[in-house]
Amino acid sequence: MADVTALEEFLNAAVVDDAVFALRPDYRALLVAVDGLVGGASDATSDALLTTAETAARDALADRPVTELDHVAAWREAYRAFGAKPGRTRNSVEALLRRAEGGLPRVNRLTDIYNAVSVIHQIPLGGEDLARYDGPPRLLHAAGDERFDTVADGEPVVENPEPGEVVWCDDTGVTCRCWNWRQARRTQLTDDTTTVLFILDALDPLSDEALDAAADDLVGHLTAATPDLRVARRLITATAATARGE
């Protein structure tokens, strides 16, 4: 089990490439590393939180299509900027909001919690099994030869991102394609996961206060089940990365 110092050291090694900030200078990544989680299958508590998120999505979409929500629209613009087609490759929060009317998926306790928080706060939010990471997380433009393990037609396969695609990766390969579109099988959360890296992605007009509120909500729900949870945070911005010489 990792202590807070170890979690902080992991986060301090994370990098967002300058080319990504050149693409979107307003981008902010709030990384939240947690250890000591209680995993498990979906339960009554995570189901109730997803139900709340479904209601929030219906309210948000009562008078406008999902593409006109401010933060969703910003992410569609960001996807176009690196060559992705947002009508076919949807950012994670848009994909969840579109599913909410028919019911959000119940996956496992930890995934349910972060999906619900993502929908409620209208922010892309991913969860990666920290124990399966190989080296620190990096956000960069793909060369195109990186390995991405996924599933196609029910079978495990290895794909490659498009050259220039914005991807999160570690020393083994891509952990999430198209910034926040699709996660790798290798680092996905399971019923047995106990340590997680959560990535909250923000663009203008989402404020820093709203970003912090989403992280607070996430940690609050996790702490409710695990009072002695160990938590570390790091906000990466273009200004902060420049100051650190990254």
Protein backbone atom coordinates (compact mmCIF):
# COMPACT_ATOMS: atom_id res chain seq x y z
CA MET A 1 0.00 0.00 0.00
CA ALA A 2 1.31 3.45 -0.94
CA ASP A 3 1.62 6.32 1.51
CA VAL A 4 0.83 9.90 0.54
CA THR A 5 4.49 10.67 -0.17
CA ALA A 6 4.70 7.84 -2.71
CA LEU A 7 1.49 9.04 -4.38
CA GLU A 8 2.86 12.59 -4.54
CA GLU A 9 6.11 11.38 -6.09
CA PHE A 10 4.15 9.52 -8.76
CA LEU A 11 2.08 12.60 -9.58
CA ASN A 12 5.13 14.88 -9.62
CA ALA A 13 6.60 12.74 -12.41
CA ALA A 14 3.52 13.19 -14.63
CA VAL A 15 4.03 15.32 -17.74
CA VAL A 16 1.80 17.14 -20.22
CA ASP A 17 3.80 17.82 -23.38
CA ASP A 18 4.30 21.42 -24.49
CA ALA A 19 2.74 20.57 -27.87
CA VAL A 20 -0.53 19.70 -26.13
CA PHE A 21 -0.56 23.03 -24.33
CA ALA A 22 0.21 24.73 -27.66
CA LEU A 23 -2.93 23.07 -29.02
CA ARG A 24 -5.06 24.16 -26.04
CA PRO A 25 -3.32 26.62 -23.69
CA ASP A 26 -6.46 26.58 -21.51
CA TYR A 27 -6.11 22.85 -20.78
CA ARG A 28 -5.79 21.76 -17.16
CA ALA A 29 -5.26 18.25 -15.86
CA LEU A 30 -6.17 17.62 -12.24
CA LEU A 31 -4.61 14.32 -11.18
CA VAL A 32 -5.91 12.59 -8.07
CA ALA A 33 -4.03 9.52 -6.82
CA VAL A 34 -5.70 7.43 -4.12
CA ASP A 35 -4.76 4.29 -2.24
CA GLY A 36 -6.55 2.05 0.23
CA LEU A 37 -9.79 1.89 -1.75
CA VAL A 38 -12.47 -0.72 -1.20
CA GLY A 39 -13.34 -2.08 -4.62
CA GLY A 40 -16.03 -4.57 -5.48
CA ALA A 41 -19.07 -4.97 -7.65
CA SER A 42 -21.68 -2.27 -8.16
CA ASP A 43 -23.81 -1.85 -5.04
CA ALA A 44 -26.82 0.09 -3.79
CA THR A 45 -24.73 3.18 -3.03
CA SER A 46 -23.07 3.38 -6.44
CA ASP A 47 -26.40 2.62 -8.12
CA ALA A 48 -28.08 5.50 -6.27
CA LEU A 49 -25.27 7.86 -7.29
CA LEU A 50 -25.67 6.85 -10.94
CA THR A 51 -29.41 7.41 -10.67
CA THR A 52 -28.69 10.93 -9.40
CA ALA A 53 -26.36 11.44 -12.36
CA GLU A 54 -29.02 10.25 -14.81
CA THR A 55 -31.43 12.81 -13.39
CA ALA A 56 -28.79 15.54 -13.63
CA ALA A 57 -28.17 14.64 -17.27
CA ARG A 58 -31.87 14.77 -18.13
CA ASP A 59 -32.13 18.19 -16.48
CA ALA A 60 -29.06 19.50 -18.34
CA LEU A 61 -30.39 18.28 -21.67
CA ALA A 62 -34.01 19.33 -21.17
CA ASP A 63 -33.68 22.44 -23.32
CA ARG A 64 -30.61 21.83 -25.48
CA PRO A 65 -28.72 19.05 -27.27
CA VAL A 66 -25.62 17.63 -25.64
CA THR A 67 -23.37 19.29 -28.23
CA GLU A 68 -24.45 22.73 -26.97
CA LEU A 69 -23.34 22.16 -23.38
CA ASP A 70 -20.39 24.52 -22.93
CA HIS A 71 -17.77 22.03 -21.78
CA VAL A 72 -18.85 19.35 -24.27
CA ALA A 73 -18.60 21.90 -27.09
CA ALA A 74 -15.10 22.90 -25.96
CA TRP A 75 -13.95 19.29 -26.06
CA ARG A 76 -15.43 18.79 -29.53
CA GLU A 77 -13.32 21.75 -30.69
CA ALA A 78 -10.22 20.27 -29.04
CA TYR A 79 -10.77 16.94 -30.80
CA ARG A 80 -11.07 18.69 -34.18
CA ALA A 81 -7.81 20.51 -33.48
CA PHE A 82 -5.79 17.27 -33.55
CA GLY A 83 -7.72 15.69 -36.40
CA ALA A 84 -10.33 13.57 -34.59
CA LYS A 85 -13.94 13.62 -35.73
CA PRO A 86 -16.06 14.36 -32.63
CA GLY A 87 -19.20 12.94 -34.23
CA ARG A 88 -17.52 9.54 -34.41
CA THR A 89 -14.96 9.77 -31.59
CA ARG A 90 -16.75 11.32 -28.64
CA ASN A 91 -15.10 12.71 -25.54
CA SER A 92 -15.93 10.66 -22.48
CA VAL A 93 -18.37 13.06 -20.83
CA GLU A 94 -20.38 13.50 -24.03
CA ALA A 95 -20.55 9.72 -24.45
CA LEU A 96 -21.86 9.28 -20.91
CA LEU A 97 -24.39 12.12 -21.20
CA ARG A 98 -25.76 10.54 -24.37
CA ARG A 99 -26.19 7.21 -22.56
CA ALA A 100 -27.83 8.69 -19.48
CA GLU A 101 -31.36 8.82 -20.90
CA GLY A 102 -31.35 5.05 -21.46
CA GLY A 103 -29.44 4.40 -18.22
CA LEU A 104 -25.77 4.67 -17.37
CA PRO A 105 -23.78 1.42 -17.25
CA ARG A 106 -23.24 -0.30 -13.92
CA VAL A 107 -19.66 -1.60 -14.13
CA ASN A 108 -18.18 -1.86 -10.65
CA ARG A 109 -18.24 0.31 -7.53
CA LEU A 110 -15.25 2.53 -8.37
CA THR A 111 -16.09 2.98 -12.04
CA ASP A 112 -19.71 3.78 -11.17
CA ILE A 113 -18.60 6.51 -8.77
CA TYR A 114 -16.29 8.30 -11.18
CA ASN A 115 -18.75 7.99 -14.08
CA ALA A 116 -21.49 9.54 -11.94
CA VAL A 117 -19.24 12.41 -10.85
CA SER A 118 -18.26 12.96 -14.50
CA VAL A 119 -21.89 13.34 -15.55
CA ILE A 120 -22.98 15.45 -12.58
CA HIS A 121 -20.12 17.93 -13.10
CA GLN A 122 -20.07 17.62 -16.92
CA ILE A 123 -16.34 16.96 -16.99
CA PRO A 124 -14.27 14.16 -18.59
CA LEU A 125 -13.03 11.97 -15.74
CA GLY A 126 -11.09 8.75 -16.11
CA GLY A 127 -9.90 6.17 -13.60
CA GLU A 128 -6.77 4.05 -14.10
CA ASP A 129 -5.50 1.19 -11.95
CA LEU A 130 -2.31 2.69 -10.53
CA ALA A 131 -0.87 -0.74 -9.70
CA ARG A 132 -0.84 -1.56 -13.41
CA TYR A 133 1.06 1.55 -14.46
CA ASP A 134 4.59 1.25 -15.85
CA GLY A 135 6.25 4.59 -15.16
CA PRO A 136 4.57 7.99 -14.86
CA PRO A 137 1.61 9.20 -16.95
CA ARG A 138 2.36 11.42 -19.95
CA LEU A 139 0.00 13.31 -22.25
CA LEU A 140 1.45 13.83 -25.71
CA HIS A 141 0.94 13.61 -29.45
CA ALA A 142 1.30 9.98 -30.52
CA ALA A 143 3.97 8.87 -32.97
CA GLY A 144 1.55 6.22 -34.19
CA ASP A 145 3.50 3.10 -33.23
CA GLU A 146 2.51 2.99 -29.54
CA ARG A 147 0.66 -0.09 -28.29
CA PHE A 148 -2.96 0.21 -27.18
CA ASP A 149 -4.62 -2.94 -25.88
CA THR A 150 -8.37 -3.01 -26.33
CA VAL A 151 -11.25 -5.28 -27.38
CA ALA A 152 -12.71 -5.66 -30.87
CA ASP A 153 -15.63 -7.99 -31.61
CA GLY A 154 -15.27 -9.42 -28.13
CA GLU A 155 -11.62 -10.37 -28.57
CA PRO A 156 -8.51 -8.70 -27.11
CA VAL A 157 -6.46 -6.87 -29.73
CA VAL A 158 -3.56 -4.43 -29.88
CA GLU A 159 -4.12 -1.26 -31.91
CA ASN A 160 -2.06 1.83 -32.62
CA PRO A 161 -3.17 5.45 -32.25
CA GLU A 162 -3.17 7.77 -35.23
CA PRO A 163 0.01 9.86 -35.66
CA GLY A 164 -0.58 13.19 -33.95
CA GLU A 165 -3.43 11.89 -31.81
CA VAL A 166 -3.40 13.23 -28.25
CA VAL A 167 -2.94 10.24 -25.91
CA TRP A 168 -2.15 9.44 -22.30
CA CYS A 169 0.56 6.81 -22.03
CA ASP A 170 3.12 5.22 -19.74
CA ASP A 171 6.32 3.31 -20.50
CA THR A 172 4.40 0.27 -21.83
CA GLY A 173 1.95 2.00 -24.14
CA VAL A 174 -1.17 4.09 -24.48
CA THR A 175 -3.47 4.12 -21.46
CA CYS A 176 -6.16 6.35 -23.02
CA ARG A 177 -6.72 7.32 -26.66
CA CYS A 178 -7.92 10.68 -27.98
CA TRP A 179 -7.23 12.51 -24.72
CA ASN A 180 -10.24 11.02 -22.89
CA TRP A 181 -12.07 8.83 -25.38
CA ARG A 182 -11.19 5.17 -24.76
CA GLN A 183 -9.17 3.54 -21.98
CA ALA A 184 -6.83 0.58 -22.34
CA ARG A 185 -7.80 -2.81 -20.92
CA ARG A 186 -4.49 -3.05 -19.06
CA THR A 187 -5.20 -0.23 -16.61
CA GLN A 188 -9.00 -0.38 -16.37
CA LEU A 189 -10.53 -0.63 -12.91
CA THR A 190 -11.76 -4.01 -11.70
CA ASP A 191 -13.55 -5.31 -8.62
CA ASP A 192 -10.13 -5.90 -7.05
CA THR A 193 -8.62 -2.45 -7.68
CA THR A 194 -7.43 -0.67 -4.53
CA THR A 195 -5.21 2.15 -5.86
CA VAL A 196 -6.29 4.51 -8.64
CA LEU A 197 -5.14 7.46 -10.70
CA PHE A 198 -8.10 9.68 -11.54
CA ILE A 199 -7.65 12.25 -14.33
CA LEU A 200 -10.03 15.20 -14.53
CA ASP A 201 -9.74 17.13 -17.81
CA ALA A 202 -10.76 20.77 -18.06
CA LEU A 203 -10.98 23.39 -20.81
CA ASP A 204 -12.41 26.88 -20.74
CA PRO A 205 -15.09 27.88 -19.88
CA LEU A 206 -14.92 25.38 -16.98
CA SER A 207 -13.40 27.28 -14.06
CA ASP A 208 -10.71 26.11 -11.67
CA GLU A 209 -13.31 26.30 -8.90
CA ALA A 210 -15.61 23.95 -10.80
CA LEU A 211 -12.69 21.59 -11.45
CA ASP A 212 -11.81 21.51 -7.75
CA ALA A 213 -15.48 20.96 -6.85
CA ALA A 214 -15.62 17.89 -9.08
CA ALA A 215 -12.47 16.47 -7.46
CA ASP A 216 -13.82 17.21 -3.98
CA ASP A 217 -17.05 15.42 -4.84
CA LEU A 218 -15.14 12.41 -6.17
CA VAL A 219 -12.91 12.16 -3.10
CA GLY A 220 -15.92 12.64 -0.83
CA HIS A 221 -17.75 9.67 -2.31
CA LEU A 222 -14.62 7.51 -2.16
CA THR A 223 -13.88 8.51 1.45
CA ALA A 224 -17.43 7.66 2.52
CA ALA A 225 -16.59 4.00 1.91
CA THR A 226 -12.93 4.25 3.00
CA PRO A 227 -12.44 6.83 5.78
CA ASP A 228 -8.66 6.27 5.99
CA LEU A 229 -8.13 6.74 2.26
CA ARG A 230 -4.74 8.15 1.24
CA VAL A 231 -5.08 10.94 -1.33
CA ALA A 232 -2.69 13.15 -3.31
CA ARG A 233 -3.54 15.78 -5.92
CA ARG A 234 -1.66 17.70 -8.56
CA LEU A 235 -2.95 20.33 -10.98
CA ILE A 236 -0.99 20.59 -14.24
CA THR A 237 -1.43 23.78 -16.27
CA ALA A 238 0.54 25.42 -19.06
CA THR A 239 1.84 28.03 -16.61
CA ALA A 240 2.79 25.49 -13.96
CA ALA A 241 4.52 23.20 -16.49
CA THR A 242 6.59 26.12 -17.78
CA ALA A 243 7.58 27.10 -14.25
CA ARG A 244 8.76 23.55 -13.52
CA GLY A 245 10.72 23.40 -16.77
CA GLU A 246 8.80 20.40 -18.08
